[in-house]
PDB file of all heavy atoms in Angstrom:
ATOM      1  N   ALA A   1       0.814  -1.219   0.000  1.00  0.00           N
ATOM      2  CA  ALA A   1       0.000   0.000   0.000  1.00  0.00           C
ATOM      3  C   ALA A   1       0.843   1.263   0.000  1.00  0.00           C
ATOM      4  O   ALA A   1       0.504   2.246  -0.667  1.00  0.00           O
ATOM      5  CB  ALA A   1      -0.934  -0.013   1.209  1.00  0.00           C
ATOM      6  N   CYS A   2       1.955   1.256   0.741  1.00  0.00           N
ATOM      7  CA  CYS A   2       2.762   2.488   0.813  1.00  0.00           C
ATOM      8  C   CYS A   2       3.374   2.822  -0.542  1.00  0.00           C
ATOM      9  O   CYS A   2       3.494   4.005  -0.893  1.00  0.00           O
ATOM     10  CB  CYS A   2       3.825   2.365   1.896  1.00  0.00           C
ATOM     11  SG  CYS A   2       4.985   0.999   1.671  1.00  0.00           S
ATOM     12  N   ILE A   3       3.751   1.800  -1.333  1.00  0.00           N
ATOM     13  CA  ILE A   3       4.293   2.071  -2.667  1.00  0.00           C
ATOM     14  C   ILE A   3       3.177   2.544  -3.590  1.00  0.00           C
ATOM     15  O   ILE A   3       3.365   3.465  -4.394  1.00  0.00           O
ATOM     16  CB  ILE A   3       4.989   0.827  -3.248  1.00  0.00           C
ATOM     17  CG1 ILE A   3       6.131   0.373  -2.345  1.00  0.00           C
ATOM     18  CG2 ILE A   3       5.512   1.118  -4.652  1.00  0.00           C
ATOM     19  CD1 ILE A   3       6.863  -0.860  -2.837  1.00  0.00           C
ATOM     20  N   ALA A   4       2.007   1.928  -3.495  1.00  0.00           N
ATOM     21  CA  ALA A   4       0.868   2.374  -4.294  1.00  0.00           C
ATOM     22  C   ALA A   4       0.545   3.831  -3.981  1.00  0.00           C
ATOM     23  O   ALA A   4       0.267   4.635  -4.882  1.00  0.00           O
ATOM     24  CB  ALA A   4      -0.346   1.486  -4.028  1.00  0.00           C
ATOM     25  N   ALA A   5       0.589   4.187  -2.693  1.00  0.00           N
ATOM     26  CA  ALA A   5       0.323   5.576  -2.298  1.00  0.00           C
ATOM     27  C   ALA A   5       1.365   6.520  -2.885  1.00  0.00           C
ATOM     28  O   ALA A   5       1.036   7.609  -3.373  1.00  0.00           O
ATOM     29  CB  ALA A   5       0.311   5.678  -0.773  1.00  0.00           C
ATOM     30  N   ALA A   6       2.630   6.102  -2.861  1.00  0.00           N
ATOM     31  CA  ALA A   6       3.686   6.941  -3.452  1.00  0.00           C
ATOM     32  C   ALA A   6       3.483   7.103  -4.949  1.00  0.00           C
ATOM     33  O   ALA A   6       3.727   8.178  -5.514  1.00  0.00           O
ATOM     34  CB  ALA A   6       5.047   6.316  -3.164  1.00  0.00           C
ATOM     35  N   SER A   7       3.011   6.048  -5.608  1.00  0.00           N
ATOM     36  CA  SER A   7       2.764   6.141  -7.049  1.00  0.00           C
ATOM     37  C   SER A   7       1.658   7.138  -7.353  1.00  0.00           C
ATOM     38  O   SER A   7       1.717   7.859  -8.354  1.00  0.00           O
ATOM     39  CB  SER A   7       2.435   4.756  -7.628  1.00  0.00           C
ATOM     40  OG  SER A   7       1.109   4.348  -7.360  1.00  0.00           O
ATOM     41  N   VAL A   8       0.652   7.210  -6.496  1.00  0.00           N
ATOM     42  CA  VAL A   8      -0.438   8.174  -6.684  1.00  0.00           C
ATOM     43  C   VAL A   8       0.069   9.598  -6.475  1.00  0.00           C
ATOM     44  O   VAL A   8      -0.226  10.498  -7.281  1.00  0.00           O
ATOM     45  CB  VAL A   8      -1.604   7.863  -5.728  1.00  0.00           C
ATOM     46  CG1 VAL A   8      -2.635   8.999  -5.745  1.00  0.00           C
ATOM     47  CG2 VAL A   8      -2.277   6.542  -6.117  1.00  0.00           C
ATOM     48  N   ILE A   9       0.830   9.810  -5.410  1.00  0.00           N
ATOM     49  CA  ILE A   9       1.385  11.148  -5.154  1.00  0.00           C
ATOM     50  C   ILE A   9       2.224  11.614  -6.338  1.00  0.00           C
ATOM     51  O   ILE A   9       2.099  12.750  -6.825  1.00  0.00           O
ATOM     52  CB  ILE A   9       2.229  11.150  -3.865  1.00  0.00           C
ATOM     53  CG1 ILE A   9       1.335  11.005  -2.621  1.00  0.00           C
ATOM     54  CG2 ILE A   9       3.088  12.408  -3.773  1.00  0.00           C
ATOM     55  CD1 ILE A   9       0.497  12.223  -2.300  1.00  0.00           C
ATOM     56  N   ALA A  10       3.096  10.740  -6.835  1.00  0.00           N
ATOM     57  CA  ALA A  10       3.968  11.112  -7.952  1.00  0.00           C
ATOM     58  C   ALA A  10       3.169  11.353  -9.224  1.00  0.00           C
ATOM     59  O   ALA A  10       3.398  12.339  -9.944  1.00  0.00           O
ATOM     60  CB  ALA A  10       5.010  10.015  -8.176  1.00  0.00           C
ATOM     61  N   LYS A  11       2.232  10.478  -9.521  1.00  0.00           N
ATOM     62  CA  LYS A  11       1.462  10.571 -10.771  1.00  0.00           C
ATOM     63  C   LYS A  11       0.581  11.819 -10.788  1.00  0.00           C
ATOM     64  O   LYS A  11       0.546  12.549 -11.793  1.00  0.00           O
ATOM     65  CB  LYS A  11       0.614   9.313 -10.922  1.00  0.00           C
ATOM     66  CG  LYS A  11      -0.370   9.328 -12.080  1.00  0.00           C
ATOM     67  CD  LYS A  11       0.313   9.297 -13.418  1.00  0.00           C
ATOM     68  CE  LYS A  11      -0.706   9.131 -14.545  1.00  0.00           C
ATOM     69  NZ  LYS A  11      -0.097   9.383 -15.875  1.00  0.00           N
ATOM     70  N   VAL A  12      -0.149  12.077  -9.715  1.00  0.00           N
ATOM     71  CA  VAL A  12      -1.040  13.238  -9.695  1.00  0.00           C
ATOM     72  C   VAL A  12      -0.226  14.530  -9.757  1.00  0.00           C
ATOM     73  O   VAL A  12      -0.580  15.467 -10.484  1.00  0.00           O
ATOM     74  CB  VAL A  12      -1.947  13.212  -8.449  1.00  0.00           C
ATOM     75  CG1 VAL A  12      -2.736  14.522  -8.331  1.00  0.00           C
ATOM     76  CG2 VAL A  12      -2.917  12.033  -8.528  1.00  0.00           C
ATOM     77  N   THR A  13       0.876  14.585  -9.005  1.00  0.00           N
ATOM     78  CA  THR A  13       1.731  15.773  -9.056  1.00  0.00           C
ATOM     79  C   THR A  13       2.206  16.029 -10.476  1.00  0.00           C
ATOM     80  O   THR A  13       2.125  17.146 -10.999  1.00  0.00           O
ATOM     81  CB  THR A  13       2.944  15.604  -8.127  1.00  0.00           C
ATOM     82  OG1 THR A  13       2.486  15.420  -6.788  1.00  0.00           O
ATOM     83  CG2 THR A  13       3.846  16.830  -8.192  1.00  0.00           C
ATOM     84  N   ARG A  14       2.727  14.978 -11.121  1.00  0.00           N
ATOM     85  CA  ARG A  14       3.258  15.158 -12.468  1.00  0.00           C
ATOM     86  C   ARG A  14       2.155  15.514 -13.469  1.00  0.00           C
ATOM     87  O   ARG A  14       2.340  16.376 -14.335  1.00  0.00           O
ATOM     88  CB  ARG A  14       3.997  13.900 -12.929  1.00  0.00           C
ATOM     89  CG  ARG A  14       4.713  14.125 -14.252  1.00  0.00           C
ATOM     90  CD  ARG A  14       5.512  12.925 -14.719  1.00  0.00           C
ATOM     91  NE  ARG A  14       6.299  13.304 -15.883  1.00  0.00           N
ATOM     92  CZ  ARG A  14       5.799  13.373 -17.115  1.00  0.00           C
ATOM     93  NH1 ARG A  14       4.525  13.045 -17.343  1.00  0.00           N
ATOM     94  NH2 ARG A  14       6.562  13.753 -18.123  1.00  0.00           N
ATOM     95  N   ASP A  15       1.008  14.858 -13.385  1.00  0.00           N
ATOM     96  CA  ASP A  15      -0.084  15.165 -14.306  1.00  0.00           C
ATOM     97  C   ASP A  15      -0.502  16.625 -14.195  1.00  0.00           C
ATOM     98  O   ASP A  15      -0.791  17.281 -15.207  1.00  0.00           O
ATOM     99  CB  ASP A  15      -1.283  14.257 -14.041  1.00  0.00           C
ATOM    100  CG  ASP A  15      -1.089  12.852 -14.604  1.00  0.00           C
ATOM    101  OD1 ASP A  15      -0.050  12.587 -15.239  1.00  0.00           O
ATOM    102  OD2 ASP A  15      -2.001  12.014 -14.400  1.00  0.00           O
ATOM    103  N   ARG A  16      -0.528  17.156 -12.987  1.00  0.00           N
ATOM    104  CA  ARG A  16      -0.923  18.550 -12.805  1.00  0.00           C
ATOM    105  C   ARG A  16       0.131  19.501 -13.378  1.00  0.00           C
ATOM    106  O   ARG A  16      -0.208  20.553 -13.926  1.00  0.00           O
ATOM    107  CB  ARG A  16      -1.174  18.829 -11.320  1.00  0.00           C
ATOM    108  CG  ARG A  16      -2.403  18.091 -10.805  1.00  0.00           C
ATOM    109  CD  ARG A  16      -2.697  18.407  -9.350  1.00  0.00           C
ATOM    110  NE  ARG A  16      -3.876  17.676  -8.888  1.00  0.00           N
ATOM    111  CZ  ARG A  16      -4.433  17.803  -7.683  1.00  0.00           C
ATOM    112  NH1 ARG A  16      -3.908  18.657  -6.817  1.00  0.00           N
ATOM    113  NH2 ARG A  16      -5.487  17.098  -7.354  1.00  0.00           N
ATOM    114  N   ILE A  17       1.385  19.124 -13.252  1.00  0.00           N
ATOM    115  CA  ILE A  17       2.437  19.923 -13.885  1.00  0.00           C
ATOM    116  C   ILE A  17       2.245  19.938 -15.397  1.00  0.00           C
ATOM    117  O   ILE A  17       2.341  20.990 -16.053  1.00  0.00           O
ATOM    118  CB  ILE A  17       3.824  19.361 -13.528  1.00  0.00           C
ATOM    119  CG1 ILE A  17       4.120  19.556 -12.050  1.00  0.00           C
ATOM    120  CG2 ILE A  17       4.912  20.035 -14.382  1.00  0.00           C
ATOM    121  CD1 ILE A  17       5.393  18.862 -11.582  1.00  0.00           C
ATOM    122  N   MET A  18       1.959  18.757 -15.979  1.00  0.00           N
ATOM    123  CA  MET A  18       1.827  18.683 -17.433  1.00  0.00           C
ATOM    124  C   MET A  18       0.604  19.452 -17.933  1.00  0.00           C
ATOM    125  O   MET A  18       0.638  20.044 -19.015  1.00  0.00           O
ATOM    126  CB  MET A  18       1.758  17.223 -17.880  1.00  0.00           C
ATOM    127  CG  MET A  18       3.014  16.413 -17.581  1.00  0.00           C
ATOM    128  SD  MET A  18       4.567  17.189 -18.128  1.00  0.00           S
ATOM    129  CE  MET A  18       4.321  17.223 -19.915  1.00  0.00           C
ATOM    130  N   VAL A  19      -0.461  19.463 -17.160  1.00  0.00           N
ATOM    131  CA  VAL A  19      -1.628  20.272 -17.539  1.00  0.00           C
ATOM    132  C   VAL A  19      -1.256  21.746 -17.535  1.00  0.00           C
ATOM    133  O   VAL A  19      -1.658  22.515 -18.423  1.00  0.00           O
ATOM    134  CB  VAL A  19      -2.808  19.996 -16.585  1.00  0.00           C
ATOM    135  CG1 VAL A  19      -3.932  21.017 -16.791  1.00  0.00           C
ATOM    136  CG2 VAL A  19      -3.351  18.586 -16.811  1.00  0.00           C
ATOM    137  N   GLN A  20      -0.461  22.160 -16.549  1.00  0.00           N
ATOM    138  CA  GLN A  20      -0.024  23.551 -16.517  1.00  0.00           C
ATOM    139  C   GLN A  20       0.894  23.867 -17.694  1.00  0.00           C
ATOM    140  O   GLN A  20       0.793  24.933 -18.317  1.00  0.00           O
ATOM    141  CB  GLN A  20       0.694  23.836 -15.199  1.00  0.00           C
ATOM    142  CG  GLN A  20       1.043  25.304 -15.020  1.00  0.00           C
ATOM    143  CD  GLN A  20       1.774  25.564 -13.726  1.00  0.00           C
ATOM    144  OE1 GLN A  20       2.603  24.746 -13.322  1.00  0.00           O
ATOM    145  NE2 GLN A  20       1.490  26.676 -13.088  1.00  0.00           N
ATOM    146  N   LEU A  21       1.807  22.948 -18.016  1.00  0.00           N
ATOM    147  CA  LEU A  21       2.708  23.166 -19.145  1.00  0.00           C
ATOM    148  C   LEU A  21       1.953  23.221 -20.470  1.00  0.00           C
ATOM    149  O   LEU A  21       2.410  23.842 -21.424  1.00  0.00           O
ATOM    150  CB  LEU A  21       3.779  22.076 -19.193  1.00  0.00           C
ATOM    151  CG  LEU A  21       4.801  22.090 -18.052  1.00  0.00           C
ATOM    152  CD1 LEU A  21       5.791  20.944 -18.207  1.00  0.00           C
ATOM    153  CD2 LEU A  21       5.527  23.425 -18.004  1.00  0.00           C
ATOM    154  N   HIS A  22       0.798  22.575 -20.529  1.00  0.00           N
ATOM    155  CA  HIS A  22      -0.034  22.651 -21.739  1.00  0.00           C
ATOM    156  C   HIS A  22      -0.442  24.100 -22.019  1.00  0.00           C
ATOM    157  O   HIS A  22      -0.548  24.501 -23.187  1.00  0.00           O
ATOM    158  CB  HIS A  22      -1.271  21.780 -21.563  1.00  0.00           C
ATOM    159  CG  HIS A  22      -2.234  21.868 -22.701  1.00  0.00           C
ATOM    160  ND1 HIS A  22      -2.077  21.140 -23.867  1.00  0.00           N
ATOM    161  CD2 HIS A  22      -3.366  22.608 -22.877  1.00  0.00           C
ATOM    162  CE1 HIS A  22      -3.068  21.425 -24.700  1.00  0.00           C
ATOM    163  NE2 HIS A  22      -3.857  22.315 -24.122  1.00  0.00           N
ATOM    164  N   GLN A  23      -0.656  24.876 -20.961  1.00  0.00           N
ATOM    165  CA  GLN A  23      -1.044  26.274 -21.160  1.00  0.00           C
ATOM    166  C   GLN A  23       0.100  27.067 -21.795  1.00  0.00           C
ATOM    167  O   GLN A  23      -0.139  28.018 -22.548  1.00  0.00           O
ATOM    168  CB  GLN A  23      -1.426  26.902 -19.810  1.00  0.00           C
ATOM    169  CG  GLN A  23      -2.493  26.143 -19.045  1.00  0.00           C
ATOM    170  CD  GLN A  23      -3.756  25.936 -19.855  1.00  0.00           C
ATOM    171  OE1 GLN A  23      -4.241  26.857 -20.517  1.00  0.00           O
ATOM    172  NE2 GLN A  23      -4.288  24.714 -19.816  1.00  0.00           N
ATOM    173  N   CYS A  24       1.336  26.658 -21.505  1.00  0.00           N
ATOM    174  CA  CYS A  24       2.498  27.354 -22.073  1.00  0.00           C
ATOM    175  C   CYS A  24       2.821  26.871 -23.480  1.00  0.00           C
ATOM    176  O   CYS A  24       3.309  27.651 -24.307  1.00  0.00           O
ATOM    177  CB  CYS A  24       3.717  27.127 -21.179  1.00  0.00           C
ATOM    178  SG  CYS A  24       3.522  27.646 -19.466  1.00  0.00           S
ATOM    179  N   HIS A  25       2.547  25.599 -23.758  1.00  0.00           N
ATOM    180  CA  HIS A  25       2.916  24.987 -25.041  1.00  0.00           C
ATOM    181  C   HIS A  25       1.739  24.164 -25.583  1.00  0.00           C
ATOM    182  O   HIS A  25       1.817  22.939 -25.674  1.00  0.00           O
ATOM    183  CB  HIS A  25       4.151  24.097 -24.868  1.00  0.00           C
ATOM    184  CG  HIS A  25       5.300  24.766 -24.183  1.00  0.00           C
ATOM    185  ND1 HIS A  25       6.124  25.671 -24.823  1.00  0.00           N
ATOM    186  CD2 HIS A  25       5.772  24.671 -22.914  1.00  0.00           C
ATOM    187  CE1 HIS A  25       7.053  26.097 -23.978  1.00  0.00           C
ATOM    188  NE2 HIS A  25       6.855  25.511 -22.816  1.00  0.00           N
ATOM    189  N   PRO A  26       0.639  24.806 -25.932  1.00  0.00           N
ATOM    190  CA  PRO A  26      -0.586  24.066 -26.277  1.00  0.00           C
ATOM    191  C   PRO A  26      -0.481  23.208 -27.526  1.00  0.00           C
ATOM    192  O   PRO A  26      -1.264  22.265 -27.684  1.00  0.00           O
ATOM    193  CB  PRO A  26      -1.632  25.173 -26.442  1.00  0.00           C
ATOM    194  CG  PRO A  26      -0.839  26.411 -26.752  1.00  0.00           C
ATOM    195  CD  PRO A  26       0.437  26.270 -25.991  1.00  0.00           C
ATOM    196  N   VAL A  27       0.440  23.495 -28.426  1.00  0.00           N
ATOM    197  CA  VAL A  27       0.484  22.757 -29.697  1.00  0.00           C
ATOM    198  C   VAL A  27       0.855  21.290 -29.507  1.00  0.00           C
ATOM    199  O   VAL A  27       0.599  20.469 -30.383  1.00  0.00           O
ATOM    200  CB  VAL A  27       1.461  23.403 -30.699  1.00  0.00           C
ATOM    201  CG1 VAL A  27       1.002  24.798 -31.066  1.00  0.00           C
ATOM    202  CG2 VAL A  27       2.885  23.403 -30.165  1.00  0.00           C
ATOM    203  N   TYR A  28       1.434  20.938 -28.359  1.00  0.00           N
ATOM    204  CA  TYR A  28       1.884  19.558 -28.166  1.00  0.00           C
ATOM    205  C   TYR A  28       0.830  18.655 -27.513  1.00  0.00           C
ATOM    206  O   TYR A  28       0.975  17.434 -27.536  1.00  0.00           O
ATOM    207  CB  TYR A  28       3.156  19.527 -27.319  1.00  0.00           C
ATOM    208  CG  TYR A  28       4.298  20.280 -27.954  1.00  0.00           C
ATOM    209  CD1 TYR A  28       4.598  21.585 -27.548  1.00  0.00           C
ATOM    210  CD2 TYR A  28       5.060  19.717 -28.966  1.00  0.00           C
ATOM    211  CE1 TYR A  28       5.633  22.287 -28.133  1.00  0.00           C
ATOM    212  CE2 TYR A  28       6.099  20.426 -29.565  1.00  0.00           C
ATOM    213  CZ  TYR A  28       6.375  21.711 -29.140  1.00  0.00           C
ATOM    214  OH  TYR A  28       7.393  22.404 -29.732  1.00  0.00           O
ATOM    215  N   GLY A  29      -0.187  19.227 -26.897  1.00  0.00           N
ATOM    216  CA  GLY A  29      -1.219  18.417 -26.260  1.00  0.00           C
ATOM    217  C   GLY A  29      -0.791  17.766 -24.964  1.00  0.00           C
ATOM    218  O   GLY A  29      -1.245  16.667 -24.630  1.00  0.00           O
ATOM    219  N   PHE A  30       0.073  18.434 -24.187  1.00  0.00           N
ATOM    220  CA  PHE A  30       0.569  17.858 -22.942  1.00  0.00           C
ATOM    221  C   PHE A  30      -0.549  17.467 -21.975  1.00  0.00           C
ATOM    222  O   PHE A  30      -0.423  16.505 -21.226  1.00  0.00           O
ATOM    223  CB  PHE A  30       1.510  18.835 -22.233  1.00  0.00           C
ATOM    224  CG  PHE A  30       2.836  19.024 -22.897  1.00  0.00           C
ATOM    225  CD1 PHE A  30       3.528  20.228 -22.752  1.00  0.00           C
ATOM    226  CD2 PHE A  30       3.423  18.020 -23.644  1.00  0.00           C
ATOM    227  CE1 PHE A  30       4.771  20.409 -23.350  1.00  0.00           C
ATOM    228  CE2 PHE A  30       4.659  18.187 -24.251  1.00  0.00           C
ATOM    229  CZ  PHE A  30       5.336  19.393 -24.095  1.00  0.00           C
ATOM    230  N   ALA A  31      -1.649  18.207 -21.977  1.00  0.00           N
ATOM    231  CA  ALA A  31      -2.741  17.905 -21.049  1.00  0.00           C
ATOM    232  C   ALA A  31      -3.349  16.543 -21.315  1.00  0.00           C
ATOM    233  O   ALA A  31      -3.861  15.890 -20.401  1.00  0.00           O
ATOM    234  CB  ALA A  31      -3.825  18.980 -21.138  1.00  0.00           C
ATOM    235  N   ALA A  32      -3.287  16.087 -22.564  1.00  0.00           N
ATOM    236  CA  ALA A  32      -3.884  14.801 -22.922  1.00  0.00           C
ATOM    237  C   ALA A  32      -2.924  13.642 -22.687  1.00  0.00           C
ATOM    238  O   ALA A  32      -3.277  12.645 -22.032  1.00  0.00           O
ATOM    239  CB  ALA A  32      -4.337  14.817 -24.380  1.00  0.00           C
ATOM    240  N   HIS A  33      -1.689  13.732 -23.213  1.00  0.00           N
ATOM    241  CA  HIS A  33      -0.786  12.581 -23.161  1.00  0.00           C
ATOM    242  C   HIS A  33       0.285  12.694 -22.084  1.00  0.00           C
ATOM    243  O   HIS A  33       1.055  11.754 -21.873  1.00  0.00           O
ATOM    244  CB  HIS A  33      -0.118  12.358 -24.510  1.00  0.00           C
ATOM    245  CG  HIS A  33       0.538  13.582 -25.073  1.00  0.00           C
ATOM    246  ND1 HIS A  33       1.637  14.167 -24.486  1.00  0.00           N
ATOM    247  CD2 HIS A  33       0.245  14.339 -26.169  1.00  0.00           C
ATOM    248  CE1 HIS A  33       2.001  15.228 -25.200  1.00  0.00           C
ATOM    249  NE2 HIS A  33       1.172  15.362 -26.210  1.00  0.00           N
TER     250      HIS A  33
END
């Protein structure tokens, strides 16, 4: 469970960063992939 929890923390943090980067570089579709 502790590793699964760490995977969620890392994944959600990174996904939110990529959604933000999509606003800076929309032509690449970072929010989707």
